[in-house]
Amino acid sequence: MCHHHTLPARPLLRCPKALSTKGAQVRVEAEERRVHALMQVGRAMASAADYEQALAALIRTISELLNVESAGFMLYDPERSELVLQQPAFGFDDPERIAAYHVPLRDGGNAVKVFLSGRPYLTNDAAGDPRLIRRFVDLFDARTSLTVPLIVEDQAIGVCHAINKRGGPFTDEDEARLKAFTAQVSIALENAKLFDDVQNVKNYNESMLQSMSNGVVTLNEEGRIVTCNVAGLRILRVTLENIRNKPAAEFFTGPNAWILEKIKAVEETLKSEITMDAQLSLDKDKVSVNLTVLPLMTVEDSSQKKKLGSLLMIAGSKDHVSPPSVVDMNYKLYKKSRAITDYKEFPNRSHFILGEAGWEEVADYALDWSNQHVAVAPRV
């Protein structure tokens, strides 16, 4: 007769090595998601035609990274001393709704506290949390909320909100993930905002220039004609194609060479010159004009004036935070000014171009360039 013995059940023991391997795999997967998200943002922001498209790309990436319904950015406006919600946000592409939501620092609230303290905050009961502003909860239908500061060089520039986690509550892991993500993209966001501000100022100045009744012509450092407004084209009886980018020395010739002499005098003295009731020869006609030649200057304070400075824009070919295409886009905008502006892209360099191996090459290039284009302040 055979006897079968049943061994007592023993608890299953997990191998420490297996646990360690699984933990490492989770960390690797998390890092892969973060890198993938950064690459998505880099590509999206590089191809974005404007600031709003760049923001939309960031929001989509955050939604995928954290599995949330949407997100939004509030940036600090020092002139108004308030946090201003940026368009688009929280699934809304409504300029009026977005513009209506801004929070003065004196009013407090969750966003202000995160901005001032630099510490993230999450709540899984937005409606019942007294720290959240009721208008925020109602306006954007926030049920759960995670807010982290946007930091650039140890300075807060705003906050990022992620709202309505899908499939469960926000966790400390979500907070750490969003904080790490925004730490990488904050500078790209600030650059996009600065670019948008510059573009808005440029558009405003262009509009003002074209609406003026006086003719305005500007030259770059090489003496080439950069802009001529509508009134200028009418007075000079030329088309924009026939004057733009043409050397002033070739345009103001013959009986109009006196204009070139006025320009040269102003370049030497950096003082404006006004000529009243002068003769401008146009074809066979003579036209009486009042000419004012002004140097383009920066005014740092009431006692110091300088010619427009020089700008070198450096990019790394493997920078996914501020991709070369974004830096090049900024360069093309700034190079239209009279200031000397150049662009240099270093191959196989990341966003941390000045902190990685071979940084000396970048520093030497920048130093050599600045020595070649040093601006000396004139005596006034």
Protein backbone atom coordinates (compact mmCIF):
# COMPACT_ATOMS: atom_id res chain seq x y z
CA MET A 1 0.00 0.00 0.00
CA CYS A 2 1.32 3.33 -0.93
CA HIS A 3 0.98 6.27 1.42
CA HIS A 4 0.80 9.79 0.02
CA HIS A 5 2.08 12.52 2.30
CA THR A 6 0.84 16.07 1.69
CA LEU A 7 3.49 18.61 2.60
CA PRO A 8 2.25 21.64 4.52
CA ALA A 9 1.84 24.70 2.38
CA ARG A 10 4.62 27.24 2.74
CA PRO A 11 4.36 30.91 1.96
CA LEU A 12 5.88 31.87 -1.36
CA LEU A 13 9.15 33.66 -0.79
CA ARG A 14 10.17 36.34 -3.28
CA CYS A 15 13.77 36.42 -4.25
CA PRO A 16 15.41 39.74 -3.27
CA LYS A 17 17.23 39.70 -6.58
CA ALA A 18 13.91 39.36 -8.44
CA LEU A 19 12.46 42.27 -6.48
CA SER A 20 15.53 44.37 -7.24
CA THR A 21 15.32 43.51 -10.93
CA LYS A 22 11.64 44.42 -11.07
CA GLY A 23 12.28 47.72 -9.29
CA ALA A 24 15.06 48.55 -11.71
CA GLN A 25 12.79 47.71 -14.64
CA VAL A 26 10.12 50.06 -13.30
CA ARG A 27 12.69 52.85 -12.95
CA VAL A 28 13.98 52.24 -16.47
CA GLU A 29 10.46 52.33 -17.88
CA ALA A 30 9.74 55.55 -16.01
CA GLU A 31 12.94 57.10 -17.35
CA GLU A 32 12.07 55.95 -20.87
CA ARG A 33 8.66 57.63 -20.58
CA ARG A 34 10.27 60.84 -19.36
CA VAL A 35 12.85 60.87 -22.17
CA HIS A 36 10.17 60.05 -24.72
CA ALA A 37 8.04 62.90 -23.38
CA LEU A 38 10.96 65.33 -23.62
CA MET A 39 11.67 64.25 -27.19
CA GLN A 40 8.00 64.74 -28.05
CA VAL A 41 8.10 68.24 -26.61
CA GLY A 42 11.36 69.02 -28.40
CA ARG A 43 9.95 67.97 -31.75
CA ALA A 44 6.59 69.64 -31.16
CA MET A 45 8.07 72.93 -30.00
CA ALA A 46 10.57 72.90 -32.84
CA SER A 47 7.78 72.58 -35.38
CA ALA A 48 5.38 74.94 -33.59
CA ALA A 49 4.71 78.07 -35.59
CA ASP A 50 3.77 80.11 -32.54
CA TYR A 51 3.64 80.23 -28.77
CA GLU A 52 0.13 78.79 -28.46
CA GLN A 53 1.08 75.74 -30.52
CA ALA A 54 4.11 75.20 -28.26
CA LEU A 55 1.87 75.35 -25.17
CA ALA A 56 -0.59 72.93 -26.73
CA ALA A 57 2.29 70.50 -27.35
CA LEU A 58 3.36 70.70 -23.71
CA ILE A 59 -0.21 70.14 -22.48
CA ARG A 60 -0.69 67.09 -24.70
CA THR A 61 2.55 65.59 -23.42
CA ILE A 62 1.62 66.17 -19.77
CA SER A 63 -1.80 64.61 -20.37
CA GLU A 64 -0.14 61.46 -21.73
CA LEU A 65 2.64 61.39 -19.12
CA LEU A 66 0.28 61.60 -16.12
CA ASN A 67 -2.93 60.24 -17.69
CA VAL A 68 -4.86 63.41 -16.87
CA GLU A 69 -7.67 65.18 -18.71
CA SER A 70 -5.68 68.36 -19.29
CA ALA A 71 -3.21 70.90 -17.96
CA GLY A 72 -2.44 74.60 -18.00
CA PHE A 73 0.36 77.07 -17.35
CA MET A 74 0.28 80.29 -15.35
CA LEU A 75 3.24 82.64 -15.81
CA TYR A 76 4.23 85.50 -13.58
CA ASP A 77 3.74 89.03 -14.91
CA PRO A 78 6.02 91.32 -12.84
CA GLU A 79 4.40 94.51 -14.14
CA ARG A 80 0.97 93.44 -12.89
CA SER A 81 2.33 91.35 -9.98
CA GLU A 82 0.05 88.46 -10.82
CA LEU A 83 -0.01 84.96 -12.27
CA VAL A 84 -1.61 84.93 -15.72
CA LEU A 85 -3.15 81.85 -17.31
CA GLN A 86 -1.71 81.19 -20.77
CA GLN A 87 -3.75 80.34 -23.85
CA PRO A 88 -4.65 77.47 -24.44
CA ALA A 89 -5.35 75.75 -21.11
CA PHE A 90 -7.44 72.96 -19.59
CA GLY A 91 -8.93 71.89 -22.88
CA PHE A 92 -10.24 75.37 -23.67
CA ASP A 93 -9.19 77.37 -26.71
CA ASP A 94 -11.24 80.37 -25.63
CA PRO A 95 -9.23 83.61 -25.37
CA GLU A 96 -11.92 85.40 -23.35
CA ARG A 97 -12.26 82.62 -20.78
CA ILE A 98 -8.47 82.23 -20.48
CA ALA A 99 -7.82 85.99 -20.27
CA ALA A 100 -10.38 86.30 -17.50
CA TYR A 101 -8.37 84.06 -15.19
CA HIS A 102 -5.41 85.79 -13.56
CA VAL A 103 -4.49 85.85 -9.88
CA PRO A 104 -2.78 88.82 -8.15
CA LEU A 105 -0.14 87.64 -5.67
CA ARG A 106 -1.90 89.59 -2.92
CA ASP A 107 -5.02 87.42 -3.35
CA GLY A 108 -3.24 84.21 -2.39
CA GLY A 109 -4.65 80.81 -3.33
CA ASN A 110 -3.01 77.55 -4.33
CA ALA A 111 -1.16 78.79 -7.43
CA VAL A 112 0.29 81.78 -5.58
CA LYS A 113 1.42 79.62 -2.64
CA VAL A 114 3.15 77.14 -4.94
CA PHE A 115 4.76 79.99 -6.89
CA LEU A 116 6.06 81.78 -3.78
CA SER A 117 7.12 78.69 -1.82
CA GLY A 118 8.48 76.63 -4.71
CA ARG A 119 6.74 73.54 -3.26
CA PRO A 120 4.28 71.38 -5.25
CA TYR A 121 0.75 70.71 -4.00
CA LEU A 122 -1.78 68.02 -4.88
CA THR A 123 -5.38 67.49 -3.85
CA ASN A 124 -7.83 64.77 -4.76
CA ASP A 125 -10.79 66.80 -3.51
CA ALA A 126 -10.62 70.09 -5.39
CA ALA A 127 -14.18 71.08 -4.54
CA GLY A 128 -13.63 70.60 -0.80
CA ASP A 129 -10.08 71.96 -0.54
CA PRO A 130 -10.11 75.51 0.89
CA ARG A 131 -6.67 76.19 -0.54
CA LEU A 132 -8.00 76.18 -4.13
CA ILE A 133 -9.73 79.26 -5.48
CA ARG A 134 -13.39 78.47 -6.07
CA ARG A 135 -13.41 80.30 -9.39
CA PHE A 136 -10.63 78.00 -10.66
CA VAL A 137 -12.54 74.86 -9.62
CA ASP A 138 -15.81 75.99 -11.20
CA LEU A 139 -14.39 77.58 -14.35
CA PHE A 140 -12.36 74.53 -15.37
CA ASP A 141 -14.38 71.76 -13.67
CA ALA A 142 -11.41 70.67 -11.56
CA ARG A 143 -12.07 67.55 -9.46
CA THR A 144 -8.46 66.67 -8.65
CA SER A 145 -5.47 68.95 -9.08
CA LEU A 146 -1.68 68.80 -9.06
CA THR A 147 0.35 72.03 -9.13
CA VAL A 148 4.13 72.37 -9.44
CA PRO A 149 6.35 75.46 -9.73
CA LEU A 150 8.15 76.37 -12.95
CA ILE A 151 11.77 77.11 -12.05
CA VAL A 152 14.49 78.62 -14.25
CA GLU A 153 17.90 79.16 -12.65
CA ASP A 154 16.48 78.96 -9.11
CA GLN A 155 13.87 81.59 -9.96
CA ALA A 156 10.14 80.80 -10.17
CA ILE A 157 8.56 81.98 -13.43
CA GLY A 158 5.10 80.50 -12.86
CA VAL A 159 3.24 77.26 -12.13
CA CYS A 160 1.88 74.26 -14.01
CA HIS A 161 -1.53 72.74 -13.18
CA ALA A 162 -2.55 69.20 -14.12
CA ILE A 163 -6.21 68.43 -13.44
CA ASN A 164 -8.51 65.42 -13.23
CA LYS A 165 -6.41 62.28 -13.03
CA ARG A 166 -7.99 59.38 -14.94
CA GLY A 167 -8.47 56.03 -13.23
CA GLY A 168 -7.64 57.09 -9.70
CA PRO A 169 -6.19 59.81 -7.45
CA PHE A 170 -2.99 61.78 -7.87
CA THR A 171 -0.02 60.21 -6.11
CA ASP A 172 3.38 61.31 -4.88
CA GLU A 173 4.82 59.57 -7.94
CA ASP A 174 2.71 61.81 -10.19
CA GLU A 175 4.03 64.84 -8.32
CA ALA A 176 7.64 63.74 -8.71
CA ARG A 177 7.14 62.94 -12.39
CA LEU A 178 5.53 66.31 -13.22
CA LYS A 179 8.14 68.17 -11.18
CA ALA A 180 10.97 66.42 -13.05
CA PHE A 181 9.30 67.06 -16.40
CA THR A 182 8.71 70.78 -15.81
CA ALA A 183 12.28 71.18 -14.56
CA GLN A 184 13.42 70.15 -18.03
CA VAL A 185 10.94 72.17 -20.09
CA SER A 186 10.65 75.40 -18.06
CA ILE A 187 13.48 77.11 -19.91
CA ALA A 188 11.97 76.08 -23.26
CA LEU A 189 8.64 77.50 -22.14
CA GLU A 190 10.29 80.75 -21.05
CA ASN A 191 12.12 81.00 -24.38
CA ALA A 192 8.86 80.43 -26.26
CA LYS A 193 7.17 83.14 -24.20
CA LEU A 194 10.02 85.58 -24.77
CA PHE A 195 9.91 84.84 -28.48
CA ASP A 196 6.15 85.48 -28.48
CA ASP A 197 6.63 88.77 -26.60
CA VAL A 198 9.31 89.90 -29.05
CA GLN A 199 7.12 88.90 -31.98
CA ASN A 200 4.18 90.86 -30.54
CA VAL A 201 6.36 93.94 -30.05
CA LYS A 202 7.72 93.52 -33.56
CA ASN A 203 4.20 93.28 -34.99
CA TYR A 204 3.11 96.34 -33.02
CA ASN A 205 6.13 98.37 -34.14
CA GLU A 206 5.60 97.25 -37.73
CA SER A 207 1.98 98.32 -37.56
CA MET A 208 2.93 101.71 -36.13
CA LEU A 209 5.65 102.13 -38.75
CA GLN A 210 3.33 101.39 -41.65
CA SER A 211 0.63 103.74 -40.35
CA MET A 212 2.97 106.75 -40.08
CA SER A 213 2.56 109.58 -42.58
CA ASN A 214 6.32 110.31 -42.49
CA GLY A 215 8.69 108.15 -44.49
CA VAL A 216 10.98 105.95 -42.36
CA VAL A 217 14.04 104.10 -43.69
CA THR A 218 16.35 102.00 -41.47
CA LEU A 219 19.85 100.68 -42.19
CA ASN A 220 21.74 97.77 -40.66
CA GLU A 221 25.36 97.74 -39.48
CA GLU A 222 26.54 97.07 -43.03
CA GLY A 223 24.76 100.14 -44.34
CA ARG A 224 22.08 98.19 -46.16
CA ILE A 225 18.48 99.36 -46.19
CA VAL A 226 16.48 97.01 -43.97
CA THR A 227 13.03 98.61 -43.84
CA CYS A 228 11.09 101.31 -45.62
CA ASN A 229 7.49 102.02 -44.66
CA VAL A 230 4.59 102.73 -47.00
CA ALA A 231 5.04 106.50 -46.72
CA GLY A 232 8.75 106.14 -47.50
CA LEU A 233 8.03 104.10 -50.62
CA ARG A 234 5.55 106.74 -51.76
CA ILE A 235 7.93 109.65 -51.15
CA LEU A 236 10.90 107.91 -52.79
CA ARG A 237 8.73 106.55 -55.62
CA VAL A 238 10.08 103.02 -55.37
CA THR A 239 8.79 99.54 -54.60
CA LEU A 240 9.95 97.58 -51.57
CA GLU A 241 11.75 95.08 -53.82
CA ASN A 242 13.81 97.89 -55.34
CA ILE A 243 15.02 99.35 -52.05
CA ARG A 244 15.16 96.59 -49.43
CA ASN A 245 18.61 95.11 -48.75
CA LYS A 246 20.21 97.61 -51.12
CA PRO A 247 23.35 99.44 -49.91
CA ALA A 248 22.52 103.02 -48.99
CA ALA A 249 25.68 104.07 -50.84
CA GLU A 250 24.16 102.71 -54.06
CA PHE A 251 20.69 104.10 -53.49
CA PHE A 252 21.50 107.66 -52.40
CA THR A 253 23.80 108.72 -55.24
CA GLY A 254 24.26 111.65 -57.59
CA PRO A 255 22.29 114.71 -56.44
CA ASN A 256 21.02 112.73 -53.42
CA ALA A 257 24.51 111.82 -52.17
CA TRP A 258 24.15 114.51 -49.48
CA ILE A 259 21.85 112.10 -47.61
CA LEU A 260 24.66 109.56 -47.42
CA GLU A 261 26.97 112.23 -46.00
CA LYS A 262 24.40 112.98 -43.29
CA ILE A 263 24.18 109.28 -42.44
CA LYS A 264 27.97 108.97 -42.17
CA ALA A 265 28.14 112.02 -39.91
CA VAL A 266 25.55 110.57 -37.55
CA GLU A 267 27.36 107.22 -37.45
CA GLU A 268 30.55 109.00 -36.39
CA THR A 269 29.06 111.36 -33.81
CA LEU A 270 26.09 109.23 -32.67
CA LYS A 271 24.10 112.46 -32.58
CA SER A 272 20.98 113.11 -34.63
CA GLU A 273 20.95 115.62 -37.48
CA ILE A 274 17.97 117.53 -38.85
CA THR A 275 17.96 119.13 -42.29
CA MET A 276 15.04 121.40 -43.16
CA ASP A 277 13.67 122.15 -46.63
CA ALA A 278 16.32 120.11 -48.50
CA GLN A 279 16.11 119.10 -52.15
CA LEU A 280 15.49 115.45 -53.01
CA SER A 281 15.87 114.56 -56.67
CA LEU A 282 13.41 111.97 -57.97
CA ASP A 283 13.67 111.21 -61.67
CA LYS A 284 13.37 114.69 -63.22
CA ASP A 285 11.52 116.19 -60.27
CA LYS A 286 12.87 117.95 -57.21
CA VAL A 287 10.98 117.54 -53.96
CA SER A 288 11.41 119.59 -50.81
CA VAL A 289 11.88 117.37 -47.73
CA ASN A 290 12.72 117.67 -44.06
CA LEU A 291 15.27 114.97 -43.20
CA THR A 292 16.03 113.63 -39.73
CA VAL A 293 18.83 111.07 -39.31
CA LEU A 294 18.88 109.24 -35.96
CA PRO A 295 21.34 106.67 -34.57
CA LEU A 296 19.67 103.51 -33.22
CA MET A 297 20.72 103.44 -29.58
CA THR A 298 19.98 101.64 -26.35
CA VAL A 299 19.52 103.78 -23.23
CA GLU A 300 20.48 101.94 -20.06
CA ASP A 301 20.05 104.98 -17.85
CA SER A 302 19.86 108.73 -18.23
CA SER A 303 23.64 109.16 -18.36
CA GLN A 304 24.77 106.23 -20.49
CA LYS A 305 24.03 105.46 -24.15
CA LYS A 306 25.36 102.62 -26.25
CA LYS A 307 25.04 101.47 -29.80
CA LEU A 308 22.91 98.39 -30.20
CA GLY A 309 24.93 95.46 -28.86
CA SER A 310 25.97 92.14 -30.36
CA LEU A 311 24.21 88.80 -29.95
CA LEU A 312 25.53 85.26 -30.45
CA MET A 313 22.92 82.48 -30.33
CA ILE A 314 24.36 79.01 -29.61
CA ALA A 315 22.56 75.69 -30.15
CA GLY A 316 23.36 72.01 -29.60
CA SER A 317 22.32 69.57 -32.33
CA LYS A 318 20.98 67.09 -29.72
CA ASP A 319 19.19 69.65 -27.55
CA HIS A 320 15.58 68.47 -27.17
CA VAL A 321 14.59 71.24 -24.72
CA SER A 322 15.63 74.23 -26.84
CA PRO A 323 16.08 72.51 -30.23
CA PRO A 324 18.32 74.09 -32.90
CA SER A 325 15.26 74.88 -34.98
CA VAL A 326 13.83 77.02 -32.15
CA VAL A 327 17.14 78.82 -31.60
CA ASP A 328 17.47 79.38 -35.35
CA MET A 329 13.92 80.77 -35.45
CA ASN A 330 14.88 83.30 -32.74
CA TYR A 331 18.08 84.13 -34.63
CA LYS A 332 16.17 84.90 -37.83
CA LEU A 333 13.95 87.28 -35.88
CA TYR A 334 16.76 89.10 -34.06
CA LYS A 335 19.08 89.37 -37.06
CA LYS A 336 16.66 91.84 -38.65
CA SER A 337 17.78 94.47 -36.13
CA ARG A 338 20.84 96.68 -36.56
CA ALA A 339 22.65 94.74 -33.87
CA ILE A 340 25.30 92.24 -34.96
CA THR A 341 23.62 88.85 -34.60
CA ASP A 342 25.14 85.42 -35.34
CA TYR A 343 24.13 81.78 -34.94
CA LYS A 344 26.37 78.81 -34.13
CA GLU A 345 25.29 75.17 -33.84
CA PHE A 346 27.61 72.66 -32.17
CA PRO A 347 27.20 69.01 -33.30
CA ASN A 348 26.46 66.22 -30.79
CA ARG A 349 25.77 68.67 -27.93
CA SER A 350 22.75 68.52 -25.62
CA HIS A 351 20.84 71.18 -23.66
CA PHE A 352 23.63 71.06 -21.05
CA ILE A 353 26.16 72.28 -23.58
CA LEU A 354 28.19 74.28 -21.04
CA GLY A 355 28.29 71.50 -18.45
CA GLU A 356 29.21 68.48 -20.53
CA ALA A 357 32.51 67.23 -21.87
CA GLY A 358 34.05 69.57 -24.41
CA TRP A 359 32.49 72.72 -22.96
CA GLU A 360 35.83 74.48 -23.41
CA GLU A 361 35.35 74.51 -27.20
CA VAL A 362 32.02 76.31 -26.81
CA ALA A 363 33.45 78.81 -24.32
CA ASP A 364 36.46 79.54 -26.53
CA TYR A 365 34.25 80.09 -29.56
CA ALA A 366 31.99 82.50 -27.64
CA LEU A 367 35.00 84.39 -26.24
CA ASP A 368 36.66 84.71 -29.66
CA TRP A 369 33.39 85.88 -31.18
CA SER A 370 32.80 88.49 -28.49
CA ASN A 371 36.36 89.81 -28.87
CA GLN A 372 35.73 90.27 -32.58
CA HIS A 373 32.45 92.12 -32.03
CA VAL A 374 33.12 94.00 -28.83
CA ALA A 375 31.01 97.13 -28.53
CA VAL A 376 32.74 100.18 -27.08
CA ALA A 377 30.47 102.71 -25.38
CA PRO A 378 30.86 106.15 -26.97
CA ARG A 379 31.55 109.23 -24.93
CA VAL A 380 28.54 111.47 -24.56
